[in-house]
Structure formats: C-alpha cells, structure tokens
Full PDB file with SEQRES, HELIX, SHEET, SSBOND, CRYST1, ORIGX, SCALE, CONECT and MASTER records, all heavy atoms in Angstrom:
SEQRES   1 A   34  ASN VAL ARG TYR LEU TYR THR LEU ASP LYS PHE PHE GLY          
SEQRES   2 A   34  PRO LEU ALA ASN ALA SER PRO VAL MET MET GLU HIS VAL          
SEQRES   3 A   34  PRO SER LEU MET SER THR VAL CYS                              
HELIX    1 AA1 VAL A    2  ASN A   17  1                                  16    
HELIX    2 AA2 VAL A   26  VAL A   33  1                                   8    
CRYST1    1.000    1.000    1.000  90.00  90.00  90.00 P 1           1          
ORIGX1      1.000000  0.000000  0.000000        0.00000                         
ORIGX2      0.000000  1.000000  0.000000        0.00000                         
ORIGX3      0.000000  0.000000  1.000000        0.00000                         
SCALE1      1.000000  0.000000  0.000000        0.00000                         
SCALE2      0.000000  1.000000  0.000000        0.00000                         
SCALE3      0.000000  0.000000  1.000000        0.00000                         
ATOM      1  N   ASN A   1    -151.003 123.752 -18.938  1.00  0.00           N  
ATOM      2  CA  ASN A   1    -151.693 122.525 -19.358  1.00  0.00           C  
ATOM      3  C   ASN A   1    -150.981 121.886 -20.554  1.00  0.00           C  
ATOM      4  O   ASN A   1    -150.895 120.667 -20.608  1.00  0.00           O  
ATOM      5  CB  ASN A   1    -153.159 122.801 -19.671  1.00  0.00           C  
ATOM      6  CG  ASN A   1    -153.944 123.109 -18.424  1.00  0.00           C  
ATOM      7  OD1 ASN A   1    -153.506 122.906 -17.313  1.00  0.00           O  
ATOM      8  ND2 ASN A   1    -155.174 123.603 -18.622  1.00  0.00           N  
ATOM      9  N   VAL A   2    -150.479 122.696 -21.459  1.00  0.00           N  
ATOM     10  CA  VAL A   2    -149.720 122.127 -22.600  1.00  0.00           C  
ATOM     11  C   VAL A   2    -148.498 121.429 -22.086  1.00  0.00           C  
ATOM     12  O   VAL A   2    -148.191 120.304 -22.506  1.00  0.00           O  
ATOM     13  CB  VAL A   2    -149.362 123.244 -23.616  1.00  0.00           C  
ATOM     14  CG1 VAL A   2    -148.292 122.768 -24.574  1.00  0.00           C  
ATOM     15  CG2 VAL A   2    -150.590 123.709 -24.384  1.00  0.00           C  
ATOM     16  N   ARG A   3    -147.818 122.048 -21.165  1.00  0.00           N  
ATOM     17  CA  ARG A   3    -146.602 121.435 -20.609  1.00  0.00           C  
ATOM     18  C   ARG A   3    -146.919 120.078 -19.961  1.00  0.00           C  
ATOM     19  O   ARG A   3    -146.199 119.092 -20.156  1.00  0.00           O  
ATOM     20  CB  ARG A   3    -145.998 122.410 -19.583  1.00  0.00           C  
ATOM     21  CG  ARG A   3    -144.679 121.933 -18.976  1.00  0.00           C  
ATOM     22  CD  ARG A   3    -144.023 123.033 -18.164  1.00  0.00           C  
ATOM     23  NE  ARG A   3    -144.861 123.604 -17.143  1.00  0.00           N  
ATOM     24  CZ  ARG A   3    -144.776 123.313 -15.864  1.00  0.00           C  
ATOM     25  NH1 ARG A   3    -143.884 122.473 -15.437  1.00  0.00           N  
ATOM     26  NH2 ARG A   3    -145.596 123.877 -14.994  1.00  0.00           N  
ATOM     27  N   TYR A   4    -147.986 120.042 -19.169  1.00  0.00           N  
ATOM     28  CA  TYR A   4    -148.355 118.778 -18.524  1.00  0.00           C  
ATOM     29  C   TYR A   4    -148.872 117.735 -19.509  1.00  0.00           C  
ATOM     30  O   TYR A   4    -148.551 116.544 -19.383  1.00  0.00           O  
ATOM     31  CB  TYR A   4    -149.392 119.015 -17.396  1.00  0.00           C  
ATOM     32  CG  TYR A   4    -148.750 119.568 -16.152  1.00  0.00           C  
ATOM     33  CD1 TYR A   4    -148.881 120.877 -15.782  1.00  0.00           C  
ATOM     34  CD2 TYR A   4    -148.004 118.733 -15.320  1.00  0.00           C  
ATOM     35  CE1 TYR A   4    -148.309 121.393 -14.614  1.00  0.00           C  
ATOM     36  CE2 TYR A   4    -147.431 119.194 -14.157  1.00  0.00           C  
ATOM     37  CZ  TYR A   4    -147.576 120.528 -13.824  1.00  0.00           C  
ATOM     38  OH  TYR A   4    -146.986 121.007 -12.707  1.00  0.00           O  
ATOM     39  N   LEU A   5    -149.657 118.151 -20.458  1.00  0.00           N  
ATOM     40  CA  LEU A   5    -150.208 117.194 -21.436  1.00  0.00           C  
ATOM     41  C   LEU A   5    -149.120 116.616 -22.342  1.00  0.00           C  
ATOM     42  O   LEU A   5    -149.271 115.468 -22.824  1.00  0.00           O  
ATOM     43  CB  LEU A   5    -151.317 117.831 -22.236  1.00  0.00           C  
ATOM     44  CG  LEU A   5    -152.597 118.106 -21.467  1.00  0.00           C  
ATOM     45  CD1 LEU A   5    -153.592 118.894 -22.287  1.00  0.00           C  
ATOM     46  CD2 LEU A   5    -153.227 116.796 -21.003  1.00  0.00           C  
ATOM     47  N   TYR A   6    -148.048 117.356 -22.573  1.00  0.00           N  
ATOM     48  CA  TYR A   6    -146.945 116.789 -23.365  1.00  0.00           C  
ATOM     49  C   TYR A   6    -146.361 115.566 -22.651  1.00  0.00           C  
ATOM     50  O   TYR A   6    -145.873 114.638 -23.295  1.00  0.00           O  
ATOM     51  CB  TYR A   6    -145.832 117.825 -23.589  1.00  0.00           C  
ATOM     52  CG  TYR A   6    -145.964 118.507 -24.925  1.00  0.00           C  
ATOM     53  CD1 TYR A   6    -146.085 119.888 -24.992  1.00  0.00           C  
ATOM     54  CD2 TYR A   6    -145.973 117.799 -26.131  1.00  0.00           C  
ATOM     55  CE1 TYR A   6    -146.206 120.530 -26.227  1.00  0.00           C  
ATOM     56  CE2 TYR A   6    -146.083 118.424 -27.340  1.00  0.00           C  
ATOM     57  CZ  TYR A   6    -146.206 119.788 -27.403  1.00  0.00           C  
ATOM     58  OH  TYR A   6    -146.351 120.418 -28.610  1.00  0.00           O  
ATOM     59  N   THR A   7    -146.443 115.537 -21.315  1.00  0.00           N  
ATOM     60  CA  THR A   7    -145.916 114.356 -20.612  1.00  0.00           C  
ATOM     61  C   THR A   7    -146.766 113.128 -20.868  1.00  0.00           C  
ATOM     62  O   THR A   7    -146.270 112.007 -20.755  1.00  0.00           O  
ATOM     63  CB  THR A   7    -145.825 114.599 -19.086  1.00  0.00           C  
ATOM     64  OG1 THR A   7    -147.123 114.794 -18.547  1.00  0.00           O  
ATOM     65  CG2 THR A   7    -144.941 115.790 -18.757  1.00  0.00           C  
ATOM     66  N   LEU A   8    -148.049 113.320 -21.235  1.00  0.00           N  
ATOM     67  CA  LEU A   8    -148.913 112.203 -21.529  1.00  0.00           C  
ATOM     68  C   LEU A   8    -148.816 111.779 -23.015  1.00  0.00           C  
ATOM     69  O   LEU A   8    -149.168 110.658 -23.342  1.00  0.00           O  
ATOM     70  CB  LEU A   8    -150.360 112.588 -21.255  1.00  0.00           C  
ATOM     71  CG  LEU A   8    -150.768 112.690 -19.816  1.00  0.00           C  
ATOM     72  CD1 LEU A   8    -152.234 113.134 -19.704  1.00  0.00           C  
ATOM     73  CD2 LEU A   8    -150.577 111.347 -19.075  1.00  0.00           C  
ATOM     74  N   ASP A   9    -148.362 112.681 -23.847  1.00  0.00           N  
ATOM     75  CA  ASP A   9    -148.319 112.437 -25.290  1.00  0.00           C  
ATOM     76  C   ASP A   9    -147.561 111.171 -25.634  1.00  0.00           C  
ATOM     77  O   ASP A   9    -147.937 110.428 -26.541  1.00  0.00           O  
ATOM     78  CB  ASP A   9    -147.711 113.667 -25.995  1.00  0.00           C  
ATOM     79  CG  ASP A   9    -148.205 113.814 -27.390  1.00  0.00           C  
ATOM     80  OD1 ASP A   9    -149.410 113.513 -27.644  1.00  0.00           O  
ATOM     81  OD2 ASP A   9    -147.422 114.231 -28.259  1.00  0.00           O  
ATOM     82  N   LYS A  10    -146.514 110.876 -24.869  1.00  0.00           N  
ATOM     83  CA  LYS A  10    -145.678 109.696 -25.167  1.00  0.00           C  
ATOM     84  C   LYS A  10    -146.453 108.388 -24.971  1.00  0.00           C  
ATOM     85  O   LYS A  10    -146.076 107.334 -25.483  1.00  0.00           O  
ATOM     86  CB  LYS A  10    -144.425 109.692 -24.339  1.00  0.00           C  
ATOM     87  CG  LYS A  10    -144.647 109.578 -22.860  1.00  0.00           C  
ATOM     88  CD  LYS A  10    -143.350 109.715 -22.077  1.00  0.00           C  
ATOM     89  CE  LYS A  10    -143.638 109.725 -20.590  1.00  0.00           C  
ATOM     90  NZ  LYS A  10    -142.487 110.123 -19.819  1.00  0.00           N  
ATOM     91  N   PHE A  11    -147.583 108.450 -24.229  1.00  0.00           N  
ATOM     92  CA  PHE A  11    -148.356 107.220 -23.991  1.00  0.00           C  
ATOM     93  C   PHE A  11    -149.405 106.961 -25.068  1.00  0.00           C  
ATOM     94  O   PHE A  11    -149.812 105.825 -25.280  1.00  0.00           O  
ATOM     95  CB  PHE A  11    -149.066 107.312 -22.631  1.00  0.00           C  
ATOM     96  CG  PHE A  11    -148.133 107.359 -21.459  1.00  0.00           C  
ATOM     97  CD1 PHE A  11    -147.899 108.530 -20.793  1.00  0.00           C  
ATOM     98  CD2 PHE A  11    -147.477 106.208 -21.065  1.00  0.00           C  
ATOM     99  CE1 PHE A  11    -147.027 108.564 -19.735  1.00  0.00           C  
ATOM    100  CE2 PHE A  11    -146.601 106.240 -19.988  1.00  0.00           C  
ATOM    101  CZ  PHE A  11    -146.366 107.421 -19.331  1.00  0.00           C  
ATOM    102  N   PHE A  12    -149.837 108.016 -25.740  1.00  0.00           N  
ATOM    103  CA  PHE A  12    -150.926 107.846 -26.687  1.00  0.00           C  
ATOM    104  C   PHE A  12    -150.562 107.085 -27.950  1.00  0.00           C  
ATOM    105  O   PHE A  12    -151.351 106.330 -28.464  1.00  0.00           O  
ATOM    106  CB  PHE A  12    -151.603 109.180 -26.995  1.00  0.00           C  
ATOM    107  CG  PHE A  12    -152.451 109.702 -25.864  1.00  0.00           C  
ATOM    108  CD1 PHE A  12    -152.056 110.828 -25.172  1.00  0.00           C  
ATOM    109  CD2 PHE A  12    -153.557 109.012 -25.461  1.00  0.00           C  
ATOM    110  CE1 PHE A  12    -152.801 111.306 -24.104  1.00  0.00           C  
ATOM    111  CE2 PHE A  12    -154.316 109.477 -24.376  1.00  0.00           C  
ATOM    112  CZ  PHE A  12    -153.920 110.598 -23.693  1.00  0.00           C  
ATOM    113  N   GLY A  13    -149.318 107.247 -28.421  1.00  0.00           N  
ATOM    114  CA  GLY A  13    -148.860 106.475 -29.561  1.00  0.00           C  
ATOM    115  C   GLY A  13    -148.879 104.982 -29.274  1.00  0.00           C  
ATOM    116  O   GLY A  13    -149.555 104.209 -29.968  1.00  0.00           O  
ATOM    117  N   PRO A  14    -148.166 104.562 -28.211  1.00  0.00           N  
ATOM    118  CA  PRO A  14    -148.187 103.127 -27.871  1.00  0.00           C  
ATOM    119  C   PRO A  14    -149.594 102.624 -27.518  1.00  0.00           C  
ATOM    120  O   PRO A  14    -149.969 101.493 -27.866  1.00  0.00           O  
ATOM    121  CB  PRO A  14    -147.305 103.041 -26.626  1.00  0.00           C  
ATOM    122  CG  PRO A  14    -146.389 104.224 -26.737  1.00  0.00           C  
ATOM    123  CD  PRO A  14    -147.197 105.283 -27.411  1.00  0.00           C  
ATOM    124  N   LEU A  15    -150.395 103.483 -26.896  1.00  0.00           N  
ATOM    125  CA  LEU A  15    -151.761 103.061 -26.555  1.00  0.00           C  
ATOM    126  C   LEU A  15    -152.593 102.845 -27.803  1.00  0.00           C  
ATOM    127  O   LEU A  15    -153.366 101.903 -27.896  1.00  0.00           O  
ATOM    128  CB  LEU A  15    -152.409 104.128 -25.668  1.00  0.00           C  
ATOM    129  CG  LEU A  15    -153.658 103.718 -24.876  1.00  0.00           C  
ATOM    130  CD1 LEU A  15    -153.354 102.558 -23.968  1.00  0.00           C  
ATOM    131  CD2 LEU A  15    -154.139 104.922 -24.068  1.00  0.00           C  
ATOM    132  N   ALA A  16    -152.418 103.706 -28.789  1.00  0.00           N  
ATOM    133  CA  ALA A  16    -153.186 103.574 -30.050  1.00  0.00           C  
ATOM    134  C   ALA A  16    -152.769 102.358 -30.839  1.00  0.00           C  
ATOM    135  O   ALA A  16    -153.564 101.757 -31.555  1.00  0.00           O  
ATOM    136  CB  ALA A  16    -153.005 104.816 -30.909  1.00  0.00           C  
ATOM    137  N   ASN A  17    -151.492 101.958 -30.714  1.00  0.00           N  
ATOM    138  CA  ASN A  17    -150.977 100.866 -31.533  1.00  0.00           C  
ATOM    139  C   ASN A  17    -150.932  99.540 -30.750  1.00  0.00           C  
ATOM    140  O   ASN A  17    -150.494  98.529 -31.284  1.00  0.00           O  
ATOM    141  CB  ASN A  17    -149.572 101.186 -32.048  1.00  0.00           C  
ATOM    142  CG  ASN A  17    -149.589 102.426 -32.940  1.00  0.00           C  
ATOM    143  OD1 ASN A  17    -150.502 102.585 -33.730  1.00  0.00           O  
ATOM    144  ND2 ASN A  17    -148.586 103.270 -32.808  1.00  0.00           N  
ATOM    145  N   ALA A  18    -151.383  99.557 -29.550  1.00  0.00           N  
ATOM    146  CA  ALA A  18    -151.325  98.335 -28.698  1.00  0.00           C  
ATOM    147  C   ALA A  18    -152.453  97.389 -29.049  1.00  0.00           C  
ATOM    148  O   ALA A  18    -153.433  97.769 -29.681  1.00  0.00           O  
ATOM    149  CB  ALA A  18    -151.396  98.732 -27.255  1.00  0.00           C  
ATOM    150  N   SER A  19    -152.301  96.167 -28.608  1.00  0.00           N  
ATOM    151  CA  SER A  19    -153.418  95.237 -28.698  1.00  0.00           C  
ATOM    152  C   SER A  19    -154.324  95.528 -27.534  1.00  0.00           C  
ATOM    153  O   SER A  19    -153.975  96.285 -26.648  1.00  0.00           O  
ATOM    154  CB  SER A  19    -152.868  93.791 -28.660  1.00  0.00           C  
ATOM    155  OG  SER A  19    -152.448  93.517 -27.339  1.00  0.00           O  
ATOM    156  N   PRO A  20    -155.508  94.946 -27.532  1.00  0.00           N  
ATOM    157  CA  PRO A  20    -156.422  95.173 -26.393  1.00  0.00           C  
ATOM    158  C   PRO A  20    -155.826  94.814 -25.047  1.00  0.00           C  
ATOM    159  O   PRO A  20    -156.254  95.256 -24.028  1.00  0.00           O  
ATOM    160  CB  PRO A  20    -157.626  94.317 -26.719  1.00  0.00           C  
ATOM    161  CG  PRO A  20    -157.647  94.250 -28.197  1.00  0.00           C  
ATOM    162  CD  PRO A  20    -156.194  94.201 -28.605  1.00  0.00           C  
ATOM    163  N   VAL A  21    -154.777  94.002 -25.064  1.00  0.00           N  
ATOM    164  CA  VAL A  21    -154.091  93.695 -23.817  1.00  0.00           C  
ATOM    165  C   VAL A  21    -153.008  94.778 -23.649  1.00  0.00           C  
ATOM    166  O   VAL A  21    -151.835  94.544 -23.836  1.00  0.00           O  
ATOM    167  CB  VAL A  21    -153.463  92.271 -23.848  1.00  0.00           C  
ATOM    168  CG1 VAL A  21    -152.869  91.930 -22.514  1.00  0.00           C  
ATOM    169  CG2 VAL A  21    -154.460  91.257 -24.282  1.00  0.00           C  
ATOM    170  N   MET A  22    -153.465  95.951 -23.274  1.00  0.00           N  
ATOM    171  CA  MET A  22    -152.597  97.124 -23.181  1.00  0.00           C  
ATOM    172  C   MET A  22    -152.187  97.424 -21.761  1.00  0.00           C  
ATOM    173  O   MET A  22    -151.774  98.539 -21.459  1.00  0.00           O  
ATOM    174  CB  MET A  22    -153.284  98.339 -23.818  1.00  0.00           C  
ATOM    175  CG  MET A  22    -154.643  98.641 -23.274  1.00  0.00           C  
ATOM    176  SD  MET A  22    -155.502  99.898 -24.198  1.00  0.00           S  
ATOM    177  CE  MET A  22    -156.484  98.951 -25.340  1.00  0.00           C  
ATOM    178  N   MET A  23    -152.295  96.454 -20.920  1.00  0.00           N  
ATOM    179  CA  MET A  23    -152.069  96.697 -19.490  1.00  0.00           C  
ATOM    180  C   MET A  23    -150.633  97.163 -19.198  1.00  0.00           C  
ATOM    181  O   MET A  23    -150.430  97.873 -18.232  1.00  0.00           O  
ATOM    182  CB  MET A  23    -152.353  95.439 -18.687  1.00  0.00           C  
ATOM    183  CG  MET A  23    -153.829  95.048 -18.648  1.00  0.00           C  
ATOM    184  SD  MET A  23    -154.902  96.418 -18.092  1.00  0.00           S  
ATOM    185  CE  MET A  23    -154.354  96.599 -16.413  1.00  0.00           C  
ATOM    186  N   GLU A  24    -149.679  96.850 -20.062  1.00  0.00           N  
ATOM    187  CA  GLU A  24    -148.307  97.276 -19.786  1.00  0.00           C  
ATOM    188  C   GLU A  24    -148.143  98.814 -19.781  1.00  0.00           C  
ATOM    189  O   GLU A  24    -147.277  99.360 -19.156  1.00  0.00           O  
ATOM    190  CB  GLU A  24    -147.320  96.640 -20.784  1.00  0.00           C  
ATOM    191  CG  GLU A  24    -147.458  97.216 -22.146  1.00  0.00           C  
ATOM    192  CD  GLU A  24    -147.559  96.171 -23.247  1.00  0.00           C  
ATOM    193  OE1 GLU A  24    -148.110  95.092 -23.007  1.00  0.00           O  
ATOM    194  OE2 GLU A  24    -147.096  96.461 -24.346  1.00  0.00           O  
ATOM    195  N   HIS A  25    -149.046  99.476 -20.524  1.00  0.00           N  
ATOM    196  CA  HIS A  25    -148.962 100.957 -20.622  1.00  0.00           C  
ATOM    197  C   HIS A  25    -149.776 101.656 -19.528  1.00  0.00           C  
ATOM    198  O   HIS A  25    -149.496 102.818 -19.214  1.00  0.00           O  
ATOM    199  CB  HIS A  25    -149.477 101.419 -21.984  1.00  0.00           C  
ATOM    200  CG  HIS A  25    -148.748 100.810 -23.131  1.00  0.00           C  
ATOM    201  ND1 HIS A  25    -147.415 101.146 -23.446  1.00  0.00           N  
ATOM    202  CD2 HIS A  25    -149.139  99.911 -24.062  1.00  0.00           C  
ATOM    203  CE1 HIS A  25    -147.051 100.478 -24.484  1.00  0.00           C  
ATOM    204  NE2 HIS A  25    -148.065  99.728 -24.892  1.00  0.00           N  
ATOM    205  N   VAL A  26    -150.737 101.006 -18.998  1.00  0.00           N  
ATOM    206  CA  VAL A  26    -151.685 101.653 -18.090  1.00  0.00           C  
ATOM    207  C   VAL A  26    -151.039 102.134 -16.771  1.00  0.00           C  
ATOM    208  O   VAL A  26    -151.298 103.283 -16.356  1.00  0.00           O  
ATOM    209  CB  VAL A  26    -152.916 100.743 -17.817  1.00  0.00           C  
ATOM    210  CG1 VAL A  26    -153.847 101.348 -16.782  1.00  0.00           C  
ATOM    211  CG2 VAL A  26    -153.673 100.529 -19.141  1.00  0.00           C  
ATOM    212  N   PRO A  27    -150.189 101.318 -16.109  1.00  0.00           N  
ATOM    213  CA  PRO A  27    -149.627 101.812 -14.826  1.00  0.00           C  
ATOM    214  C   PRO A  27    -148.831 103.107 -14.975  1.00  0.00           C  
ATOM    215  O   PRO A  27    -149.001 104.055 -14.189  1.00  0.00           O  
ATOM    216  CB  PRO A  27    -148.757 100.650 -14.360  1.00  0.00           C  
ATOM    217  CG  PRO A  27    -149.343  99.444 -14.970  1.00  0.00           C  
ATOM    218  CD  PRO A  27    -149.849  99.907 -16.320  1.00  0.00           C  
ATOM    219  N   SER A  28    -147.970 103.207 -15.985  1.00  0.00           N  
ATOM    220  CA  SER A  28    -147.157 104.419 -16.153  1.00  0.00           C  
ATOM    221  C   SER A  28    -148.048 105.588 -16.625  1.00  0.00           C  
ATOM    222  O   SER A  28    -147.832 106.726 -16.217  1.00  0.00           O  
ATOM    223  CB  SER A  28    -145.989 104.181 -17.095  1.00  0.00           C  
ATOM    224  OG  SER A  28    -146.415 103.659 -18.343  1.00  0.00           O  
ATOM    225  N   LEU A  29    -149.054 105.288 -17.397  1.00  0.00           N  
ATOM    226  CA  LEU A  29    -150.002 106.327 -17.824  1.00  0.00           C  
ATOM    227  C   LEU A  29    -150.733 106.884 -16.627  1.00  0.00           C  
ATOM    228  O   LEU A  29    -150.836 108.086 -16.446  1.00  0.00           O  
ATOM    229  CB  LEU A  29    -151.010 105.737 -18.830  1.00  0.00           C  
ATOM    230  CG  LEU A  29    -152.172 106.648 -19.232  1.00  0.00           C  
ATOM    231  CD1 LEU A  29    -151.661 107.889 -19.963  1.00  0.00           C  
ATOM    232  CD2 LEU A  29    -153.136 105.882 -20.145  1.00  0.00           C  
ATOM    233  N   MET A  30    -151.240 106.019 -15.746  1.00  0.00           N  
ATOM    234  CA  MET A  30    -151.980 106.468 -14.559  1.00  0.00           C  
ATOM    235  C   MET A  30    -151.037 107.209 -13.578  1.00  0.00           C  
ATOM    236  O   MET A  30    -151.442 108.176 -12.944  1.00  0.00           O  
ATOM    237  CB  MET A  30    -152.632 105.272 -13.861  1.00  0.00           C  
ATOM    238  CG  MET A  30    -153.793 104.671 -14.598  1.00  0.00           C  
ATOM    239  SD  MET A  30    -155.125 105.856 -14.895  1.00  0.00           S  
ATOM    240  CE  MET A  30    -155.014 106.097 -16.641  1.00  0.00           C  
ATOM    241  N   SER A  31    -149.809 106.786 -13.497  1.00  0.00           N  
ATOM    242  CA  SER A  31    -148.825 107.466 -12.653  1.00  0.00           C  
ATOM    243  C   SER A  31    -148.613 108.895 -13.158  1.00  0.00           C  
ATOM    244  O   SER A  31    -148.506 109.836 -12.374  1.00  0.00           O  
ATOM    245  CB  SER A  31    -147.515 106.672 -12.682  1.00  0.00           C  
ATOM    246  OG  SER A  31    -146.557 107.365 -11.942  1.00  0.00           O  
ATOM    247  N   THR A  32    -148.536 109.063 -14.459  1.00  0.00           N  
ATOM    248  CA  THR A  32    -148.365 110.391 -15.049  1.00  0.00           C  
ATOM    249  C   THR A  32    -149.618 111.258 -14.835  1.00  0.00           C  
ATOM    250  O   THR A  32    -149.492 112.427 -14.503  1.00  0.00           O  
ATOM    251  CB  THR A  32    -148.026 110.269 -16.571  1.00  0.00           C  
ATOM    252  OG1 THR A  32    -146.869 109.460 -16.701  1.00  0.00           O  
ATOM    253  CG2 THR A  32    -147.757 111.653 -17.166  1.00  0.00           C  
ATOM    254  N   VAL A  33    -150.773 110.660 -15.002  1.00  0.00           N  
ATOM    255  CA  VAL A  33    -152.028 111.392 -14.756  1.00  0.00           C  
ATOM    256  C   VAL A  33    -152.095 111.835 -13.291  1.00  0.00           C  
ATOM    257  O   VAL A  33    -152.428 112.959 -12.989  1.00  0.00           O  
ATOM    258  CB  VAL A  33    -153.251 110.537 -15.104  1.00  0.00           C  
ATOM    259  CG1 VAL A  33    -154.534 111.170 -14.624  1.00  0.00           C  
ATOM    260  CG2 VAL A  33    -153.327 110.340 -16.635  1.00  0.00           C  
ATOM    261  N   CYS A  34    -151.680 110.968 -12.386  1.00  0.00           N  
ATOM    262  CA  CYS A  34    -151.652 111.282 -10.962  1.00  0.00           C  
ATOM    263  C   CYS A  34    -150.647 112.447 -10.697  1.00  0.00           C  
ATOM    264  O   CYS A  34    -150.965 113.373  -9.932  1.00  0.00           O  
ATOM    265  CB  CYS A  34    -151.226 110.069 -10.152  1.00  0.00           C  
ATOM    266  SG  CYS A  34    -151.210 110.358  -8.373  1.00  0.00           S  
TER     267      CYS A  34                                                      
MASTER        0    0    0    2    0    0    0    6  266    1    0    3          
END                                                                             
C-alpha cells in the first residue's frame, strides 16, 4: 500500500495548491487511482 500510495503523492501537492478549477489534475489522479 505504501508503494501504491507513493504514486498518488505527486498529485496531492498540486491539488492542495490549485485553484478550485483543479480539473487539469483530476484525470491523471483518477487514472492513477484506477
């Protein structure tokens, strides 16, 4: 689980610093979750 969650870690920084129009990050985030 640590190994897999590290792949998501790169999305949380940009997601936290994004404006509410964060749609540019969502497709790649969902692809990684999938």
